[in-house]
Amino acid sequence: GDSAVVPNLARLVRTNTSISLTLFDGETTEAAAVRMYRASRAIEAHILLGPGTSAPAQLLGALSNVDNFPMISHGAVSVQSEFTPEYQFFARTVFSNTVVTRAFPSLLLAFGWRACSVLYLNDPYISLSVSDFIKEA
């Protein structure tokens, strides 16, 4: 992770706030995210905000369900972390890849664009999005 993130965010915390905020640098790995989750539980936090990517959010969403511990992610976009019985304590603030991807064909057609290139990494989340796009196109 970016070691500058946590100190920069810490400067934003007001000292007279009624919310106690503890910042953890969860980096981008599942192992680091689990360490952050465990540390959050150890300090008896009431909710976990983050992580910002789908893979750790899926893992932590499942853990939060087991612990009945609410969690909100600002960046997890995988359809696999939808509100289901496995993720009933998980919420996110962005649309899933599927919702956004299904809108792309209509957008392209509205502009009269008939050819499209898709740049993506070979990972399961993006592959699912490409598959959704092909179904809708």
N, C-alpha and C. Protein backbone atom coordinates (compact mmCIF):
# COMPACT_ATOMS: atom_id res chain seq x y z
N GLY A 1 0.81 -1.19 0.00
CA GLY A 1 0.00 0.00 0.00
C GLY A 1 0.86 1.25 0.00
N ASP A 2 0.22 2.35 -0.19
CA ASP A 2 0.87 3.65 -0.18
C ASP A 2 0.98 4.11 1.26
N SER A 3 2.17 4.14 1.80
CA SER A 3 2.35 4.49 3.21
C SER A 3 1.97 5.94 3.49
N ALA A 4 1.82 6.74 2.45
CA ALA A 4 1.42 8.14 2.65
C ALA A 4 -0.09 8.27 2.85
N VAL A 5 -0.85 7.26 2.49
CA VAL A 5 -2.31 7.36 2.55
C VAL A 5 -2.80 7.54 3.98
N VAL A 6 -2.39 6.66 4.87
CA VAL A 6 -2.90 6.72 6.24
C VAL A 6 -2.53 8.03 6.94
N PRO A 7 -1.26 8.50 6.89
CA PRO A 7 -0.97 9.79 7.52
C PRO A 7 -1.77 10.95 6.90
N ASN A 8 -1.95 10.94 5.59
CA ASN A 8 -2.72 12.01 4.95
C ASN A 8 -4.18 11.97 5.38
N LEU A 9 -4.75 10.79 5.48
CA LEU A 9 -6.14 10.68 5.95
C LEU A 9 -6.25 11.07 7.43
N ALA A 10 -5.25 10.71 8.21
CA ALA A 10 -5.28 11.03 9.63
C ALA A 10 -5.34 12.53 9.87
N ARG A 11 -4.74 13.32 8.99
CA ARG A 11 -4.79 14.77 9.14
C ARG A 11 -6.20 15.32 8.95
N LEU A 12 -7.06 14.57 8.28
CA LEU A 12 -8.43 15.02 8.04
C LEU A 12 -9.34 14.81 9.25
N VAL A 13 -8.92 13.99 10.19
CA VAL A 13 -9.75 13.68 11.36
C VAL A 13 -9.78 14.86 12.30
N ARG A 14 -10.98 15.31 12.60
CA ARG A 14 -11.14 16.42 13.55
C ARG A 14 -11.03 15.88 14.98
N THR A 15 -10.42 16.64 15.83
CA THR A 15 -10.25 16.17 17.21
C THR A 15 -11.54 16.29 18.01
N ASN A 16 -12.48 17.11 17.60
CA ASN A 16 -13.71 17.27 18.36
C ASN A 16 -14.87 16.48 17.76
N THR A 17 -14.59 15.48 16.97
CA THR A 17 -15.64 14.69 16.34
C THR A 17 -16.25 13.70 17.33
N SER A 18 -17.48 13.31 17.05
CA SER A 18 -18.13 12.33 17.92
C SER A 18 -17.93 10.91 17.39
N ILE A 19 -17.15 10.76 16.35
CA ILE A 19 -16.85 9.44 15.78
C ILE A 19 -15.39 9.14 16.02
N SER A 20 -15.13 8.01 16.62
CA SER A 20 -13.76 7.56 16.82
C SER A 20 -13.31 6.84 15.55
N LEU A 21 -12.27 7.33 14.91
CA LEU A 21 -11.81 6.79 13.64
C LEU A 21 -10.41 6.24 13.79
N THR A 22 -10.23 4.97 13.44
CA THR A 22 -8.91 4.34 13.43
C THR A 22 -8.60 3.96 12.00
N LEU A 23 -7.45 4.36 11.49
CA LEU A 23 -7.07 4.10 10.09
C LEU A 23 -6.07 2.96 10.02
N PHE A 24 -6.32 2.05 9.09
CA PHE A 24 -5.41 0.94 8.84
C PHE A 24 -5.02 0.97 7.37
N ASP A 25 -3.76 0.69 7.08
CA ASP A 25 -3.32 0.58 5.69
C ASP A 25 -3.50 -0.88 5.28
N GLY A 26 -4.61 -1.16 4.61
CA GLY A 26 -4.93 -2.53 4.22
C GLY A 26 -4.24 -3.00 2.97
N GLU A 27 -3.46 -2.12 2.35
CA GLU A 27 -2.76 -2.44 1.12
C GLU A 27 -3.76 -2.99 0.11
N THR A 28 -3.35 -3.92 -0.73
CA THR A 28 -4.27 -4.45 -1.73
C THR A 28 -4.35 -5.97 -1.70
N THR A 29 -3.68 -6.60 -0.77
CA THR A 29 -3.70 -8.06 -0.73
C THR A 29 -4.79 -8.55 0.22
N GLU A 30 -5.26 -9.75 -0.04
CA GLU A 30 -6.26 -10.34 0.84
C GLU A 30 -5.70 -10.55 2.25
N ALA A 31 -4.44 -10.97 2.35
CA ALA A 31 -3.83 -11.20 3.66
C ALA A 31 -3.78 -9.91 4.48
N ALA A 32 -3.39 -8.80 3.84
CA ALA A 32 -3.34 -7.51 4.54
C ALA A 32 -4.75 -7.07 4.94
N ALA A 33 -5.72 -7.31 4.06
CA ALA A 33 -7.09 -6.94 4.36
C ALA A 33 -7.63 -7.73 5.56
N VAL A 34 -7.29 -9.00 5.65
CA VAL A 34 -7.72 -9.81 6.79
C VAL A 34 -7.07 -9.30 8.07
N ARG A 35 -5.79 -8.92 8.00
CA ARG A 35 -5.14 -8.34 9.19
C ARG A 35 -5.86 -7.06 9.63
N MET A 36 -6.24 -6.22 8.67
CA MET A 36 -6.98 -5.00 8.98
C MET A 36 -8.33 -5.33 9.61
N TYR A 37 -9.00 -6.32 9.05
CA TYR A 37 -10.30 -6.75 9.58
C TYR A 37 -10.15 -7.21 11.04
N ARG A 38 -9.18 -8.06 11.29
CA ARG A 38 -8.96 -8.57 12.65
C ARG A 38 -8.61 -7.43 13.61
N ALA A 39 -7.81 -6.49 13.16
CA ALA A 39 -7.46 -5.35 14.01
C ALA A 39 -8.70 -4.50 14.31
N SER A 40 -9.55 -4.35 13.32
CA SER A 40 -10.80 -3.60 13.52
C SER A 40 -11.68 -4.27 14.56
N ARG A 41 -11.76 -5.57 14.49
CA ARG A 41 -12.55 -6.32 15.47
C ARG A 41 -11.91 -6.22 16.86
N ALA A 42 -10.58 -6.24 16.91
CA ALA A 42 -9.87 -6.20 18.20
C ALA A 42 -10.10 -4.88 18.93
N ILE A 43 -10.26 -3.78 18.20
CA ILE A 43 -10.48 -2.49 18.86
C ILE A 43 -11.98 -2.21 19.06
N GLU A 44 -12.79 -3.22 18.72
CA GLU A 44 -14.24 -3.15 18.90
C GLU A 44 -14.89 -2.04 18.08
N ALA A 45 -14.43 -1.90 16.84
CA ALA A 45 -15.07 -0.96 15.91
C ALA A 45 -16.50 -1.42 15.66
N HIS A 46 -17.39 -0.50 15.36
CA HIS A 46 -18.79 -0.83 15.09
C HIS A 46 -19.05 -1.12 13.63
N ILE A 47 -18.17 -0.65 12.74
CA ILE A 47 -18.31 -0.85 11.30
C ILE A 47 -16.94 -0.75 10.65
N LEU A 48 -16.80 -1.43 9.53
CA LEU A 48 -15.56 -1.38 8.75
C LEU A 48 -15.87 -0.68 7.43
N LEU A 49 -15.12 0.36 7.12
CA LEU A 49 -15.23 1.05 5.84
C LEU A 49 -14.06 0.62 4.97
N GLY A 50 -14.36 0.05 3.80
CA GLY A 50 -13.32 -0.44 2.91
C GLY A 50 -13.40 -1.94 2.83
N PRO A 51 -12.59 -2.58 2.07
CA PRO A 51 -11.55 -2.07 1.20
C PRO A 51 -12.11 -1.58 -0.12
N GLY A 52 -11.24 -1.03 -0.94
CA GLY A 52 -11.67 -0.42 -2.18
C GLY A 52 -11.60 -1.30 -3.40
N THR A 53 -11.29 -2.57 -3.24
CA THR A 53 -11.23 -3.47 -4.40
C THR A 53 -12.05 -4.72 -4.13
N SER A 54 -12.44 -5.40 -5.19
CA SER A 54 -13.40 -6.50 -5.08
C SER A 54 -12.87 -7.75 -4.37
N ALA A 55 -11.66 -8.18 -4.69
CA ALA A 55 -11.17 -9.45 -4.13
C ALA A 55 -11.13 -9.42 -2.60
N PRO A 56 -10.48 -8.42 -1.97
CA PRO A 56 -10.50 -8.42 -0.51
C PRO A 56 -11.90 -8.14 0.05
N ALA A 57 -12.69 -7.35 -0.66
CA ALA A 57 -14.05 -7.06 -0.18
C ALA A 57 -14.90 -8.32 -0.13
N GLN A 58 -14.73 -9.19 -1.12
CA GLN A 58 -15.47 -10.44 -1.12
C GLN A 58 -15.10 -11.28 0.09
N LEU A 59 -13.83 -11.41 0.34
CA LEU A 59 -13.35 -12.18 1.48
C LEU A 59 -13.83 -11.58 2.79
N LEU A 60 -13.64 -10.26 2.96
CA LEU A 60 -14.04 -9.61 4.20
C LEU A 60 -15.56 -9.56 4.34
N GLY A 61 -16.27 -9.47 3.22
CA GLY A 61 -17.73 -9.50 3.28
C GLY A 61 -18.24 -10.81 3.85
N ALA A 62 -17.60 -11.91 3.47
CA ALA A 62 -17.97 -13.21 4.02
C ALA A 62 -17.64 -13.27 5.51
N LEU A 63 -16.48 -12.76 5.91
CA LEU A 63 -16.12 -12.73 7.33
C LEU A 63 -17.09 -11.85 8.13
N SER A 64 -17.45 -10.70 7.56
CA SER A 64 -18.34 -9.80 8.28
C SER A 64 -19.71 -10.43 8.48
N ASN A 65 -20.12 -11.28 7.55
CA ASN A 65 -21.39 -11.98 7.69
C ASN A 65 -21.33 -12.98 8.85
N VAL A 66 -20.22 -13.69 8.94
CA VAL A 66 -20.05 -14.66 10.03
C VAL A 66 -20.08 -13.94 11.39
N ASP A 67 -19.45 -12.75 11.44
CA ASP A 67 -19.34 -12.00 12.70
C ASP A 67 -20.50 -11.03 12.94
N ASN A 68 -21.45 -10.93 11.98
CA ASN A 68 -22.52 -9.93 12.08
C ASN A 68 -21.92 -8.53 12.25
N PHE A 69 -20.91 -8.24 11.45
CA PHE A 69 -20.14 -7.00 11.54
C PHE A 69 -20.36 -6.20 10.27
N PRO A 70 -21.02 -5.05 10.32
CA PRO A 70 -21.30 -4.28 9.11
C PRO A 70 -20.05 -3.75 8.43
N MET A 71 -20.11 -3.72 7.10
CA MET A 71 -18.97 -3.31 6.29
C MET A 71 -19.49 -2.56 5.07
N ILE A 72 -18.87 -1.45 4.72
CA ILE A 72 -19.21 -0.69 3.52
C ILE A 72 -17.94 -0.50 2.71
N SER A 73 -18.01 -0.89 1.44
CA SER A 73 -16.87 -0.70 0.53
C SER A 73 -17.17 0.43 -0.43
N HIS A 74 -16.17 1.25 -0.68
CA HIS A 74 -16.32 2.37 -1.61
C HIS A 74 -15.85 2.02 -3.02
N GLY A 75 -15.36 0.80 -3.22
CA GLY A 75 -14.83 0.50 -4.54
C GLY A 75 -15.04 -0.92 -5.04
N ALA A 76 -15.62 -1.80 -4.24
CA ALA A 76 -15.84 -3.17 -4.69
C ALA A 76 -16.95 -3.18 -5.73
N VAL A 77 -16.65 -3.65 -6.93
CA VAL A 77 -17.62 -3.61 -8.01
C VAL A 77 -18.03 -4.98 -8.52
N SER A 78 -17.51 -6.04 -7.94
CA SER A 78 -17.83 -7.39 -8.40
C SER A 78 -19.28 -7.72 -8.11
N VAL A 79 -19.95 -8.30 -9.10
CA VAL A 79 -21.33 -8.74 -8.91
C VAL A 79 -21.39 -9.88 -7.89
N GLN A 80 -20.27 -10.56 -7.67
CA GLN A 80 -20.25 -11.66 -6.73
C GLN A 80 -20.39 -11.20 -5.29
N SER A 81 -20.27 -9.92 -5.02
CA SER A 81 -20.47 -9.43 -3.66
C SER A 81 -21.78 -8.66 -3.55
N GLU A 82 -22.77 -9.08 -4.34
CA GLU A 82 -24.10 -8.49 -4.24
C GLU A 82 -24.71 -8.81 -2.88
N PHE A 83 -25.74 -8.07 -2.53
CA PHE A 83 -26.45 -8.33 -1.28
C PHE A 83 -27.16 -9.67 -1.39
N THR A 84 -26.61 -10.67 -0.75
CA THR A 84 -27.16 -12.03 -0.73
C THR A 84 -27.05 -12.52 0.71
N PRO A 85 -27.61 -13.69 1.00
CA PRO A 85 -27.46 -14.21 2.37
C PRO A 85 -26.00 -14.32 2.83
N GLU A 86 -25.08 -14.55 1.87
CA GLU A 86 -23.66 -14.65 2.24
C GLU A 86 -23.05 -13.29 2.55
N TYR A 87 -23.70 -12.21 2.08
CA TYR A 87 -23.15 -10.86 2.24
C TYR A 87 -24.19 -9.91 2.84
N GLN A 88 -24.97 -10.36 3.79
CA GLN A 88 -26.03 -9.50 4.31
C GLN A 88 -25.53 -8.36 5.20
N PHE A 89 -24.29 -8.37 5.61
CA PHE A 89 -23.73 -7.27 6.39
C PHE A 89 -22.81 -6.39 5.55
N PHE A 90 -22.80 -6.62 4.24
CA PHE A 90 -21.92 -5.90 3.32
C PHE A 90 -22.74 -4.95 2.45
N ALA A 91 -22.22 -3.73 2.29
CA ALA A 91 -22.83 -2.77 1.37
C ALA A 91 -21.72 -2.09 0.59
N ARG A 92 -22.09 -1.49 -0.52
CA ARG A 92 -21.10 -0.75 -1.30
C ARG A 92 -21.73 0.54 -1.80
N THR A 93 -20.88 1.46 -2.18
CA THR A 93 -21.36 2.77 -2.60
C THR A 93 -21.24 2.99 -4.09
N VAL A 94 -20.89 1.95 -4.83
CA VAL A 94 -20.78 2.04 -6.29
C VAL A 94 -21.60 0.91 -6.91
N PHE A 95 -21.99 1.09 -8.17
CA PHE A 95 -22.70 0.05 -8.88
C PHE A 95 -21.76 -1.12 -9.19
N SER A 96 -22.32 -2.30 -9.33
CA SER A 96 -21.51 -3.46 -9.71
C SER A 96 -21.08 -3.32 -11.17
N ASN A 97 -20.04 -4.06 -11.53
CA ASN A 97 -19.58 -4.08 -12.92
C ASN A 97 -20.71 -4.46 -13.86
N THR A 98 -21.54 -5.40 -13.44
CA THR A 98 -22.62 -5.88 -14.31
C THR A 98 -23.59 -4.77 -14.65
N VAL A 99 -23.99 -3.97 -13.68
CA VAL A 99 -24.93 -2.87 -13.92
C VAL A 99 -24.34 -1.88 -14.91
N VAL A 100 -23.11 -1.50 -14.70
CA VAL A 100 -22.45 -0.52 -15.57
C VAL A 100 -22.22 -1.10 -16.96
N THR A 101 -21.71 -2.31 -17.01
CA THR A 101 -21.38 -2.93 -18.28
C THR A 101 -22.61 -3.13 -19.16
N ARG A 102 -23.73 -3.46 -18.56
CA ARG A 102 -24.95 -3.67 -19.35
C ARG A 102 -25.44 -2.37 -19.99
N ALA A 103 -25.03 -1.24 -19.47
CA ALA A 103 -25.43 0.05 -20.04
C ALA A 103 -24.55 0.46 -21.22
N PHE A 104 -23.37 -0.10 -21.33
CA PHE A 104 -22.43 0.31 -22.39
C PHE A 104 -23.00 0.16 -23.81
N PRO A 105 -23.61 -0.97 -24.18
CA PRO A 105 -24.11 -1.07 -25.55
C PRO A 105 -25.09 0.04 -25.91
N SER A 106 -25.99 0.38 -25.00
CA SER A 106 -26.94 1.47 -25.26
C SER A 106 -26.22 2.80 -25.44
N LEU A 107 -25.21 3.03 -24.65
CA LEU A 107 -24.43 4.26 -24.76
C LEU A 107 -23.73 4.34 -26.12
N LEU A 108 -23.10 3.23 -26.52
CA LEU A 108 -22.40 3.21 -27.80
C LEU A 108 -23.37 3.46 -28.95
N LEU A 109 -24.51 2.80 -28.91
CA LEU A 109 -25.49 2.96 -29.99
C LEU A 109 -26.06 4.38 -30.01
N ALA A 110 -26.24 4.98 -28.85
CA ALA A 110 -26.76 6.35 -28.78
C ALA A 110 -25.82 7.33 -29.49
N PHE A 111 -24.52 7.07 -29.46
CA PHE A 111 -23.54 7.92 -30.14
C PHE A 111 -23.27 7.47 -31.57
N GLY A 112 -23.91 6.38 -31.99
CA GLY A 112 -23.69 5.88 -33.34
C GLY A 112 -22.40 5.09 -33.49
N TRP A 113 -21.81 4.71 -32.40
CA TRP A 113 -20.56 3.95 -32.45
C TRP A 113 -20.88 2.47 -32.64
N ARG A 114 -20.27 1.86 -33.64
CA ARG A 114 -20.57 0.47 -33.96
C ARG A 114 -19.38 -0.47 -33.76
N ALA A 115 -18.23 0.08 -33.42
CA ALA A 115 -17.04 -0.75 -33.16
C ALA A 115 -16.45 -0.32 -31.83
N CYS A 116 -16.00 -1.29 -31.07
CA CYS A 116 -15.52 -0.99 -29.72
C CYS A 116 -14.34 -1.90 -29.40
N SER A 117 -13.32 -1.36 -28.77
CA SER A 117 -12.22 -2.14 -28.23
C SER A 117 -12.38 -2.21 -26.73
N VAL A 118 -12.02 -3.35 -26.15
CA VAL A 118 -12.11 -3.52 -24.69
C VAL A 118 -10.71 -3.84 -24.18
N LEU A 119 -10.21 -3.01 -23.29
CA LEU A 119 -8.91 -3.25 -22.66
C LEU A 119 -9.17 -3.80 -21.26
N TYR A 120 -8.61 -4.94 -20.95
CA TYR A 120 -8.83 -5.51 -19.63
C TYR A 120 -7.68 -6.41 -19.23
N LEU A 121 -7.57 -6.63 -17.94
CA LEU A 121 -6.60 -7.58 -17.41
C LEU A 121 -7.26 -8.94 -17.35
N ASN A 122 -6.47 -9.96 -17.34
CA ASN A 122 -7.01 -11.31 -17.27
C ASN A 122 -7.31 -11.65 -15.81
N ASP A 123 -8.45 -11.15 -15.33
CA ASP A 123 -8.88 -11.51 -13.98
C ASP A 123 -10.37 -11.83 -14.02
N PRO A 124 -10.86 -12.60 -13.06
CA PRO A 124 -12.24 -13.09 -13.14
C PRO A 124 -13.30 -11.98 -13.12
N TYR A 125 -13.04 -10.88 -12.45
CA TYR A 125 -14.03 -9.81 -12.36
C TYR A 125 -14.22 -9.12 -13.70
N ILE A 126 -13.11 -8.80 -14.36
CA ILE A 126 -13.18 -8.13 -15.65
C ILE A 126 -13.69 -9.08 -16.72
N SER A 127 -13.28 -10.34 -16.66
CA SER A 127 -13.77 -11.32 -17.63
C SER A 127 -15.28 -11.45 -17.56
N LEU A 128 -15.84 -11.41 -16.37
CA LEU A 128 -17.30 -11.45 -16.21
C LEU A 128 -17.94 -10.22 -16.82
N SER A 129 -17.33 -9.06 -16.66
CA SER A 129 -17.85 -7.82 -17.25
C SER A 129 -17.85 -7.89 -18.77
N VAL A 130 -16.78 -8.40 -19.34
CA VAL A 130 -16.70 -8.54 -20.79
C VAL A 130 -17.78 -9.49 -21.27
N SER A 131 -17.98 -10.58 -20.55
CA SER A 131 -19.03 -11.54 -20.90
C SER A 131 -20.41 -10.87 -20.85
N ASP A 132 -20.67 -10.06 -19.83
CA ASP A 132 -21.94 -9.34 -19.73
C ASP A 132 -22.11 -8.37 -20.90
N PHE A 133 -21.05 -7.69 -21.28
CA PHE A 133 -21.10 -6.75 -22.39
C PHE A 133 -21.46 -7.48 -23.70
N ILE A 134 -20.83 -8.61 -23.92
CA ILE A 134 -21.10 -9.38 -25.14
C ILE A 134 -22.56 -9.84 -25.18
N LYS A 135 -23.10 -10.25 -24.05
CA LYS A 135 -24.50 -10.68 -23.99
C LYS A 135 -25.45 -9.54 -24.35
N GLU A 136 -25.12 -8.32 -23.90
CA GLU A 136 -26.00 -7.17 -24.11
C GLU A 136 -25.84 -6.54 -25.49
N ALA A 137 -24.66 -6.72 -26.11
CA ALA A 137 -24.37 -6.04 -27.38
C ALA A 137 -25.14 -6.65 -28.55
